[in-house]
Amino acid sequence: MAEGKKTVKVKGGFRSMLALLISIIALIVAVIAYNRTGGDMDIKTQLNELQGTIEKMKGETSKGFSKFRVETSKALDKLSKMIKGKETAQ
């Protein structure tokens, strides 16, 4: 009876188990990294944070534009006075 049975040798048994073990470890590391970066934060929380940042940037931008507008106005006034002064001198 032993003569009729063939033993089948599984090729790559150790390598496939090793690959499975490495992939499971990589999956665990990926889940930990995802959770550390705030992956489990609520979407609404992230949205509120982004809206706050956008509002802050809007305020800074409007202040910058106001300053630019005032400086441009002063420069144009100065330039017009210089031009008018030259016209009256002639």
PDB file of N, CA and C in Angstrom:
ATOM      1  N   MET A   1       0.802  -1.189   0.000  1.00  0.00           N
ATOM      2  CA  MET A   1       0.000   0.000   0.000  1.00  0.00           C
ATOM      3  C   MET A   1       0.850   1.261   0.000  1.00  0.00           C
ATOM      4  N   ALA A   2       1.942   1.193   0.650  1.00  0.00           N
ATOM      5  CA  ALA A   2       2.802   2.363   0.711  1.00  0.00           C
ATOM      6  C   ALA A   2       3.377   2.668  -0.660  1.00  0.00           C
ATOM      7  N   GLU A   3       3.432   1.641  -1.509  1.00  0.00           N
ATOM      8  CA  GLU A   3       3.993   1.856  -2.831  1.00  0.00           C
ATOM      9  C   GLU A   3       3.062   2.677  -3.714  1.00  0.00           C
ATOM     10  N   GLY A   4       1.771   2.603  -3.532  1.00  0.00           N
ATOM     11  CA  GLY A   4       0.806   3.309  -4.370  1.00  0.00           C
ATOM     12  C   GLY A   4       0.662   4.785  -4.021  1.00  0.00           C
ATOM     13  N   LYS A   5       1.020   5.144  -2.816  1.00  0.00           N
ATOM     14  CA  LYS A   5       0.864   6.543  -2.396  1.00  0.00           C
ATOM     15  C   LYS A   5       2.086   7.344  -2.795  1.00  0.00           C
ATOM     16  N   LYS A   6       1.811   8.500  -3.331  1.00  0.00           N
ATOM     17  CA  LYS A   6       2.892   9.392  -3.697  1.00  0.00           C
ATOM     18  C   LYS A   6       2.946  10.523  -2.677  1.00  0.00           C
ATOM     19  N   THR A   7       4.124  10.857  -2.276  1.00  0.00           N
ATOM     20  CA  THR A   7       4.257  12.004  -1.372  1.00  0.00           C
ATOM     21  C   THR A   7       4.483  13.245  -2.227  1.00  0.00           C
ATOM     22  N   VAL A   8       3.742  14.277  -1.901  1.00  0.00           N
ATOM     23  CA  VAL A   8       3.843  15.523  -2.647  1.00  0.00           C
ATOM     24  C   VAL A   8       4.610  16.515  -1.791  1.00  0.00           C
ATOM     25  N   LYS A   9       5.654  17.027  -2.376  1.00  0.00           N
ATOM     26  CA  LYS A   9       6.454  18.018  -1.673  1.00  0.00           C
ATOM     27  C   LYS A   9       5.970  19.404  -2.107  1.00  0.00           C
ATOM     28  N   VAL A  10       5.618  20.227  -1.128  1.00  0.00           N
ATOM     29  CA  VAL A  10       5.141  21.574  -1.411  1.00  0.00           C
ATOM     30  C   VAL A  10       6.353  22.471  -1.625  1.00  0.00           C
ATOM     31  N   LYS A  11       6.393  23.062  -2.794  1.00  0.00           N
ATOM     32  CA  LYS A  11       7.514  23.942  -3.103  1.00  0.00           C
ATOM     33  C   LYS A  11       7.194  25.354  -2.617  1.00  0.00           C
ATOM     34  N   GLY A  12       8.195  25.990  -2.056  1.00  0.00           N
ATOM     35  CA  GLY A  12       8.026  27.368  -1.616  1.00  0.00           C
ATOM     36  C   GLY A  12       7.219  27.501  -0.349  1.00  0.00           C
ATOM     37  N   GLY A  13       7.083  26.470   0.414  1.00  0.00           N
ATOM     38  CA  GLY A  13       6.298  26.521   1.644  1.00  0.00           C
ATOM     39  C   GLY A  13       6.855  27.524   2.636  1.00  0.00           C
ATOM     40  N   PHE A  14       8.155  27.483   2.856  1.00  0.00           N
ATOM     41  CA  PHE A  14       8.780  28.410   3.800  1.00  0.00           C
ATOM     42  C   PHE A  14       8.742  29.836   3.262  1.00  0.00           C
ATOM     43  N   ARG A  15       9.023  29.979   1.970  1.00  0.00           N
ATOM     44  CA  ARG A  15       9.035  31.310   1.368  1.00  0.00           C
ATOM     45  C   ARG A  15       7.648  31.943   1.377  1.00  0.00           C
ATOM     46  N   SER A  16       6.631  31.168   1.098  1.00  0.00           N
ATOM     47  CA  SER A  16       5.280  31.729   1.088  1.00  0.00           C
ATOM     48  C   SER A  16       4.835  32.119   2.494  1.00  0.00           C
ATOM     49  N   MET A  17       5.212  31.323   3.491  1.00  0.00           N
ATOM     50  CA  MET A  17       4.883  31.670   4.879  1.00  0.00           C
ATOM     51  C   MET A  17       5.632  32.937   5.299  1.00  0.00           C
ATOM     52  N   LEU A  18       6.883  33.047   4.883  1.00  0.00           N
ATOM     53  CA  LEU A  18       7.671  34.225   5.203  1.00  0.00           C
ATOM     54  C   LEU A  18       7.072  35.467   4.537  1.00  0.00           C
ATOM     55  N   ALA A  19       6.664  35.342   3.292  1.00  0.00           N
ATOM     56  CA  ALA A  19       6.045  36.461   2.580  1.00  0.00           C
ATOM     57  C   ALA A  19       4.730  36.868   3.245  1.00  0.00           C
ATOM     58  N   LEU A  20       3.956  35.898   3.686  1.00  0.00           N
ATOM     59  CA  LEU A  20       2.703  36.184   4.380  1.00  0.00           C
ATOM     60  C   LEU A  20       2.968  36.913   5.692  1.00  0.00           C
ATOM     61  N   LEU A  21       3.960  36.461   6.428  1.00  0.00           N
ATOM     62  CA  LEU A  21       4.310  37.087   7.700  1.00  0.00           C
ATOM     63  C   LEU A  21       4.776  38.531   7.489  1.00  0.00           C
ATOM     64  N   ILE A  22       5.614  38.752   6.487  1.00  0.00           N
ATOM     65  CA  ILE A  22       6.099  40.106   6.195  1.00  0.00           C
ATOM     66  C   ILE A  22       4.945  41.014   5.769  1.00  0.00           C
ATOM     67  N   SER A  23       4.028  40.506   4.974  1.00  0.00           N
ATOM     68  CA  SER A  23       2.904  41.331   4.533  1.00  0.00           C
ATOM     69  C   SER A  23       1.980  41.684   5.693  1.00  0.00           C
ATOM     70  N   ILE A  24       1.796  40.775   6.629  1.00  0.00           N
ATOM     71  CA  ILE A  24       0.969  41.069   7.807  1.00  0.00           C
ATOM     72  C   ILE A  24       1.638  42.139   8.665  1.00  0.00           C
ATOM     73  N   ILE A  25       2.946  42.029   8.847  1.00  0.00           N
ATOM     74  CA  ILE A  25       3.680  43.041   9.618  1.00  0.00           C
ATOM     75  C   ILE A  25       3.584  44.399   8.926  1.00  0.00           C
ATOM     76  N   ALA A  26       3.712  44.415   7.602  1.00  0.00           N
ATOM     77  CA  ALA A  26       3.606  45.670   6.851  1.00  0.00           C
ATOM     78  C   ALA A  26       2.213  46.273   6.992  1.00  0.00           C
ATOM     79  N   LEU A  27       1.198  45.446   6.995  1.00  0.00           N
ATOM     80  CA  LEU A  27      -0.168  45.922   7.167  1.00  0.00           C
ATOM     81  C   LEU A  27      -0.355  46.552   8.545  1.00  0.00           C
ATOM     82  N   ILE A  28       0.195  45.925   9.566  1.00  0.00           N
ATOM     83  CA  ILE A  28       0.097  46.466  10.927  1.00  0.00           C
ATOM     84  C   ILE A  28       0.813  47.810  11.017  1.00  0.00           C
ATOM     85  N   VAL A  29       1.997  47.901  10.433  1.00  0.00           N
ATOM     86  CA  VAL A  29       2.746  49.163  10.444  1.00  0.00           C
ATOM     87  C   VAL A  29       1.968  50.249   9.697  1.00  0.00           C
ATOM     88  N   ALA A  30       1.339  49.902   8.592  1.00  0.00           N
ATOM     89  CA  ALA A  30       0.565  50.878   7.824  1.00  0.00           C
ATOM     90  C   ALA A  30      -0.631  51.388   8.621  1.00  0.00           C
ATOM     91  N   VAL A  31      -1.302  50.506   9.334  1.00  0.00           N
ATOM     92  CA  VAL A  31      -2.449  50.915  10.154  1.00  0.00           C
ATOM     93  C   VAL A  31      -1.993  51.847  11.271  1.00  0.00           C
ATOM     94  N   ILE A  32      -0.874  51.532  11.900  1.00  0.00           N
ATOM     95  CA  ILE A  32      -0.343  52.388  12.969  1.00  0.00           C
ATOM     96  C   ILE A  32       0.020  53.764  12.413  1.00  0.00           C
ATOM     97  N   ALA A  33       0.668  53.801  11.260  1.00  0.00           N
ATOM     98  CA  ALA A  33       1.046  55.079  10.648  1.00  0.00           C
ATOM     99  C   ALA A  33      -0.192  55.887  10.268  1.00  0.00           C
ATOM    100  N   TYR A  34      -1.199  55.231   9.766  1.00  0.00           N
ATOM    101  CA  TYR A  34      -2.446  55.907   9.391  1.00  0.00           C
ATOM    102  C   TYR A  34      -3.099  56.546  10.610  1.00  0.00           C
ATOM    103  N   ASN A  35      -3.138  55.816  11.704  1.00  0.00           N
ATOM    104  CA  ASN A  35      -3.746  56.352  12.919  1.00  0.00           C
ATOM    105  C   ASN A  35      -2.918  57.482  13.520  1.00  0.00           C
ATOM    106  N   ARG A  36      -1.601  57.412  13.397  1.00  0.00           N
ATOM    107  CA  ARG A  36      -0.741  58.475  13.936  1.00  0.00           C
ATOM    108  C   ARG A  36      -0.908  59.779  13.178  1.00  0.00           C
ATOM    109  N   THR A  37      -1.168  59.714  11.899  1.00  0.00           N
ATOM    110  CA  THR A  37      -1.300  60.929  11.096  1.00  0.00           C
ATOM    111  C   THR A  37      -2.700  61.511  11.168  1.00  0.00           C
ATOM    112  N   GLY A  38      -3.526  60.978  12.013  1.00  0.00           N
ATOM    113  CA  GLY A  38      -4.871  61.520  12.172  1.00  0.00           C
ATOM    114  C   GLY A  38      -5.850  60.928  11.195  1.00  0.00           C
ATOM    115  N   GLY A  39      -5.585  59.766  10.717  1.00  0.00           N
ATOM    116  CA  GLY A  39      -6.466  59.125   9.761  1.00  0.00           C
ATOM    117  C   GLY A  39      -7.831  58.803  10.328  1.00  0.00           C
ATOM    118  N   ASP A  40      -7.912  58.671  11.643  1.00  0.00           N
ATOM    119  CA  ASP A  40      -9.190  58.335  12.246  1.00  0.00           C
ATOM    120  C   ASP A  40      -9.954  59.568  12.722  1.00  0.00           C
ATOM    121  N   MET A  41      -9.453  60.759  12.369  1.00  0.00           N
ATOM    122  CA  MET A  41     -10.165  61.981  12.740  1.00  0.00           C
ATOM    123  C   MET A  41     -11.461  62.077  11.956  1.00  0.00           C
ATOM    124  N   ASP A  42     -12.395  62.721  12.558  1.00  0.00           N
ATOM    125  CA  ASP A  42     -13.680  62.908  11.901  1.00  0.00           C
ATOM    126  C   ASP A  42     -13.521  63.891  10.741  1.00  0.00           C
ATOM    127  N   ILE A  43     -14.219  63.642   9.667  1.00  0.00           N
ATOM    128  CA  ILE A  43     -14.129  64.497   8.481  1.00  0.00           C
ATOM    129  C   ILE A  43     -14.581  65.919   8.817  1.00  0.00           C
ATOM    130  N   LYS A  44     -15.609  66.042   9.639  1.00  0.00           N
ATOM    131  CA  LYS A  44     -16.098  67.376   9.987  1.00  0.00           C
ATOM    132  C   LYS A  44     -15.054  68.156  10.771  1.00  0.00           C
ATOM    133  N   THR A  45     -14.297  67.480  11.607  1.00  0.00           N
ATOM    134  CA  THR A  45     -13.241  68.142  12.367  1.00  0.00           C
ATOM    135  C   THR A  45     -12.184  68.675  11.414  1.00  0.00           C
ATOM    136  N   GLN A  46     -11.787  67.867  10.462  1.00  0.00           N
ATOM    137  CA  GLN A  46     -10.801  68.305   9.477  1.00  0.00           C
ATOM    138  C   GLN A  46     -11.340  69.476   8.660  1.00  0.00           C
ATOM    139  N   LEU A  47     -12.613  69.410   8.292  1.00  0.00           N
ATOM    140  CA  LEU A  47     -13.227  70.478   7.511  1.00  0.00           C
ATOM    141  C   LEU A  47     -13.248  71.779   8.303  1.00  0.00           C
ATOM    142  N   ASN A  48     -13.596  71.699   9.582  1.00  0.00           N
ATOM    143  CA  ASN A  48     -13.618  72.900  10.421  1.00  0.00           C
ATOM    144  C   ASN A  48     -12.223  73.501  10.572  1.00  0.00           C
ATOM    145  N   GLU A  49     -11.216  72.664  10.715  1.00  0.00           N
ATOM    146  CA  GLU A  49      -9.843  73.152  10.813  1.00  0.00           C
ATOM    147  C   GLU A  49      -9.433  73.873   9.530  1.00  0.00           C
ATOM    148  N   LEU A  50      -9.773  73.287   8.389  1.00  0.00           N
ATOM    149  CA  LEU A  50      -9.428  73.903   7.109  1.00  0.00           C
ATOM    150  C   LEU A  50     -10.174  75.216   6.897  1.00  0.00           C
ATOM    151  N   GLN A  51     -11.433  75.270   7.318  1.00  0.00           N
ATOM    152  CA  GLN A  51     -12.193  76.509   7.181  1.00  0.00           C
ATOM    153  C   GLN A  51     -11.590  77.611   8.043  1.00  0.00           C
ATOM    154  N   GLY A  52     -11.144  77.264   9.244  1.00  0.00           N
ATOM    155  CA  GLY A  52     -10.480  78.241  10.100  1.00  0.00           C
ATOM    156  C   GLY A  52      -9.212  78.772   9.460  1.00  0.00           C
ATOM    157  N   THR A  53      -8.445  77.874   8.864  1.00  0.00           N
ATOM    158  CA  THR A  53      -7.212  78.283   8.185  1.00  0.00           C
ATOM    159  C   THR A  53      -7.517  79.197   7.004  1.00  0.00           C
ATOM    160  N   ILE A  54      -8.550  78.878   6.258  1.00  0.00           N
ATOM    161  CA  ILE A  54      -8.932  79.698   5.102  1.00  0.00           C
ATOM    162  C   ILE A  54      -9.365  81.087   5.554  1.00  0.00           C
ATOM    163  N   GLU A  55     -10.147  81.164   6.630  1.00  0.00           N
ATOM    164  CA  GLU A  55     -10.586  82.466   7.138  1.00  0.00           C
ATOM    165  C   GLU A  55      -9.395  83.305   7.594  1.00  0.00           C
ATOM    166  N   LYS A  56      -8.434  82.663   8.239  1.00  0.00           N
ATOM    167  CA  LYS A  56      -7.231  83.371   8.685  1.00  0.00           C
ATOM    168  C   LYS A  56      -6.463  83.913   7.480  1.00  0.00           C
ATOM    169  N   MET A  57      -6.334  83.091   6.440  1.00  0.00           N
ATOM    170  CA  MET A  57      -5.619  83.516   5.238  1.00  0.00           C
ATOM    171  C   MET A  57      -6.358  84.651   4.535  1.00  0.00           C
ATOM    172  N   LYS A  58      -7.701  84.617   4.549  1.00  0.00           N
ATOM    173  CA  LYS A  58      -8.478  85.702   3.942  1.00  0.00           C
ATOM    174  C   LYS A  58      -8.194  87.017   4.651  1.00  0.00           C
ATOM    175  N   GLY A  59      -8.160  86.968   5.983  1.00  0.00           N
ATOM    176  CA  GLY A  59      -7.883  88.176   6.751  1.00  0.00           C
ATOM    177  C   GLY A  59      -6.509  88.741   6.449  1.00  0.00           C
ATOM    178  N   GLU A  60      -5.517  87.861   6.396  1.00  0.00           N
ATOM    179  CA  GLU A  60      -4.155  88.305   6.096  1.00  0.00           C
ATOM    180  C   GLU A  60      -4.064  88.887   4.689  1.00  0.00           C
ATOM    181  N   THR A  61      -4.751  88.267   3.748  1.00  0.00           N
ATOM    182  CA  THR A  61      -4.728  88.740   2.366  1.00  0.00           C
ATOM    183  C   THR A  61      -5.395  90.104   2.242  1.00  0.00           C
ATOM    184  N   SER A  62      -6.530  90.276   2.920  1.00  0.00           N
ATOM    185  CA  SER A  62      -7.217  91.570   2.830  1.00  0.00           C
ATOM    186  C   SER A  62      -6.384  92.670   3.477  1.00  0.00           C
ATOM    187  N   LYS A  63      -5.672  92.358   4.561  1.00  0.00           N
ATOM    188  CA  LYS A  63      -4.784  93.349   5.176  1.00  0.00           C
ATOM    189  C   LYS A  63      -3.669  93.732   4.204  1.00  0.00           C
ATOM    190  N   GLY A  64      -3.116  92.728   3.532  1.00  0.00           N
ATOM    191  CA  GLY A  64      -2.053  92.987   2.561  1.00  0.00           C
ATOM    192  C   GLY A  64      -2.539  93.842   1.404  1.00  0.00           C
ATOM    193  N   PHE A  65      -3.753  93.547   0.905  1.00  0.00           N
ATOM    194  CA  PHE A  65      -4.303  94.344  -0.195  1.00  0.00           C
ATOM    195  C   PHE A  65      -4.589  95.768   0.251  1.00  0.00           C
ATOM    196  N   SER A  66      -5.076  95.941   1.469  1.00  0.00           N
ATOM    197  CA  SER A  66      -5.346  97.290   1.978  1.00  0.00           C
ATOM    198  C   SER A  66      -4.055  98.092   2.063  1.00  0.00           C
ATOM    199  N   LYS A  67      -3.017  97.475   2.578  1.00  0.00           N
ATOM    200  CA  LYS A  67      -1.724  98.153   2.683  1.00  0.00           C
ATOM    201  C   LYS A  67      -1.202  98.511   1.289  1.00  0.00           C
ATOM    202  N   PHE A  68      -1.315  97.579   0.357  1.00  0.00           N
ATOM    203  CA  PHE A  68      -0.864  97.817  -1.014  1.00  0.00           C
ATOM    204  C   PHE A  68      -1.648  98.963  -1.651  1.00  0.00           C
ATOM    205  N   ARG A  69      -2.959  98.986  -1.411  1.00  0.00           N
ATOM    206  CA  ARG A  69      -3.811 100.031  -1.966  1.00  0.00           C
ATOM    207  C   ARG A  69      -3.408 101.411  -1.429  1.00  0.00           C
ATOM    208  N   VAL A  70      -3.156 101.488  -0.124  1.00  0.00           N
ATOM    209  CA  VAL A  70      -2.758 102.763   0.483  1.00  0.00           C
ATOM    210  C   VAL A  70      -1.416 103.224  -0.068  1.00  0.00           C
ATOM    211  N   GLU A  71      -0.459 102.309  -0.159  1.00  0.00           N
ATOM    212  CA  GLU A  71       0.865 102.671  -0.676  1.00  0.00           C
ATOM    213  C   GLU A  71       0.793 103.109  -2.136  1.00  0.00           C
ATOM    214  N   THR A  72      -0.016 102.424  -2.925  1.00  0.00           N
ATOM    215  CA  THR A  72      -0.183 102.799  -4.329  1.00  0.00           C
ATOM    216  C   THR A  72      -0.827 104.179  -4.441  1.00  0.00           C
ATOM    217  N   SER A  73      -1.814 104.429  -3.596  1.00  0.00           N
ATOM    218  CA  SER A  73      -2.478 105.730  -3.601  1.00  0.00           C
ATOM    219  C   SER A  73      -1.500 106.847  -3.257  1.00  0.00           C
ATOM    220  N   LYS A  74      -0.679 106.632  -2.251  1.00  0.00           N
ATOM    221  CA  LYS A  74       0.321 107.635  -1.867  1.00  0.00           C
ATOM    222  C   LYS A  74       1.311 107.884  -3.006  1.00  0.00           C
ATOM    223  N   ALA A  75       1.753 106.808  -3.644  1.00  0.00           N
ATOM    224  CA  ALA A  75       2.713 106.943  -4.743  1.00  0.00           C
ATOM    225  C   ALA A  75       2.098 107.704  -5.912  1.00  0.00           C
ATOM    226  N   LEU A  76       0.829 107.428  -6.229  1.00  0.00           N
ATOM    227  CA  LEU A  76       0.166 108.137  -7.328  1.00  0.00           C
ATOM    228  C   LEU A  76      -0.037 109.609  -6.984  1.00  0.00           C
ATOM    229  N   ASP A  77      -0.393 109.895  -5.739  1.00  0.00           N
ATOM    230  CA  ASP A  77      -0.536 111.297  -5.321  1.00  0.00           C
ATOM    231  C   ASP A  77       0.787 112.037  -5.446  1.00  0.00           C
ATOM    232  N   LYS A  78       1.840 111.407  -4.988  1.00  0.00           N
ATOM    233  CA  LYS A  78       3.174 112.014  -5.052  1.00  0.00           C
ATOM    234  C   LYS A  78       3.576 112.264  -6.507  1.00  0.00           C
ATOM    235  N   LEU A  79       3.311 111.274  -7.355  1.00  0.00           N
ATOM    236  CA  LEU A  79       3.650 111.396  -8.771  1.00  0.00           C
ATOM    237  C   LEU A  79       2.849 112.509  -9.434  1.00  0.00           C
ATOM    238  N   SER A  80       1.563 112.590  -9.112  1.00  0.00           N
ATOM    239  CA  SER A  80       0.736 113.646  -9.720  1.00  0.00           C
ATOM    240  C   SER A  80       1.180 115.028  -9.252  1.00  0.00           C
ATOM    241  N   LYS A  81       1.594 115.158  -8.003  1.00  0.00           N
ATOM    242  CA  LYS A  81       2.092 116.446  -7.512  1.00  0.00           C
ATOM    243  C   LYS A  81       3.386 116.828  -8.216  1.00  0.00           C
ATOM    244  N   MET A  82       4.249 115.840  -8.454  1.00  0.00           N
ATOM    245  CA  MET A  82       5.500 116.112  -9.166  1.00  0.00           C
ATOM    246  C   MET A  82       5.215 116.569 -10.591  1.00  0.00           C
ATOM    247  N   ILE A  83       4.264 115.906 -11.248  1.00  0.00           N
ATOM    248  CA  ILE A  83       3.928 116.261 -12.631  1.00  0.00           C
ATOM    249  C   ILE A  83       3.306 117.650 -12.676  1.00  0.00           C
ATOM    250  N   LYS A  84       2.398 117.943 -11.752  1.00  0.00           N
ATOM    251  CA  LYS A  84       1.767 119.263 -11.705  1.00  0.00           C
ATOM    252  C   LYS A  84       2.795 120.341 -11.401  1.00  0.00           C
ATOM    253  N   GLY A  85       3.758 120.038 -10.553  1.00  0.00           N
ATOM    254  CA  GLY A  85       4.814 120.999 -10.229  1.00  0.00           C
ATOM    255  C   GLY A  85       5.660 121.308 -11.447  1.00  0.00           C
ATOM    256  N   LYS A  86       5.927 120.320 -12.283  1.00  0.00           N
ATOM    257  CA  LYS A  86       6.711 120.543 -13.501  1.00  0.00           C
ATOM    258  C   LYS A  86       5.918 121.366 -14.497  1.00  0.00           C
ATOM    259  N   GLU A  87       4.614 121.137 -14.583  1.00  0.00           N
ATOM    260  CA  GLU A  87       3.784 121.871 -15.537  1.00  0.00           C
ATOM    261  C   GLU A  87       3.698 123.345 -15.153  1.00  0.00           C
ATOM    262  N   THR A  88       3.576 123.624 -13.870  1.00  0.00           N
ATOM    263  CA  THR A  88       3.471 125.023 -13.448  1.00  0.00           C
ATOM    264  C   THR A  88       4.812 125.735 -13.560  1.00  0.00           C
ATOM    265  N   ALA A  89       5.913 124.999 -13.456  1.00  0.00           N
ATOM    266  CA  ALA A  89       7.239 125.605 -13.561  1.00  0.00           C
ATOM    267  C   ALA A  89       7.530 126.016 -14.994  1.00  0.00           C
ATOM    268  N   GLN A  90       6.915 125.387 -15.949  1.00  0.00           N
ATOM    269  CA  GLN A  90       7.198 125.699 -17.354  1.00  0.00           C
ATOM    270  C   GLN A  90       6.426 126.889 -17.696  1.00  0.00           C
TER     271      GLN A  90
END
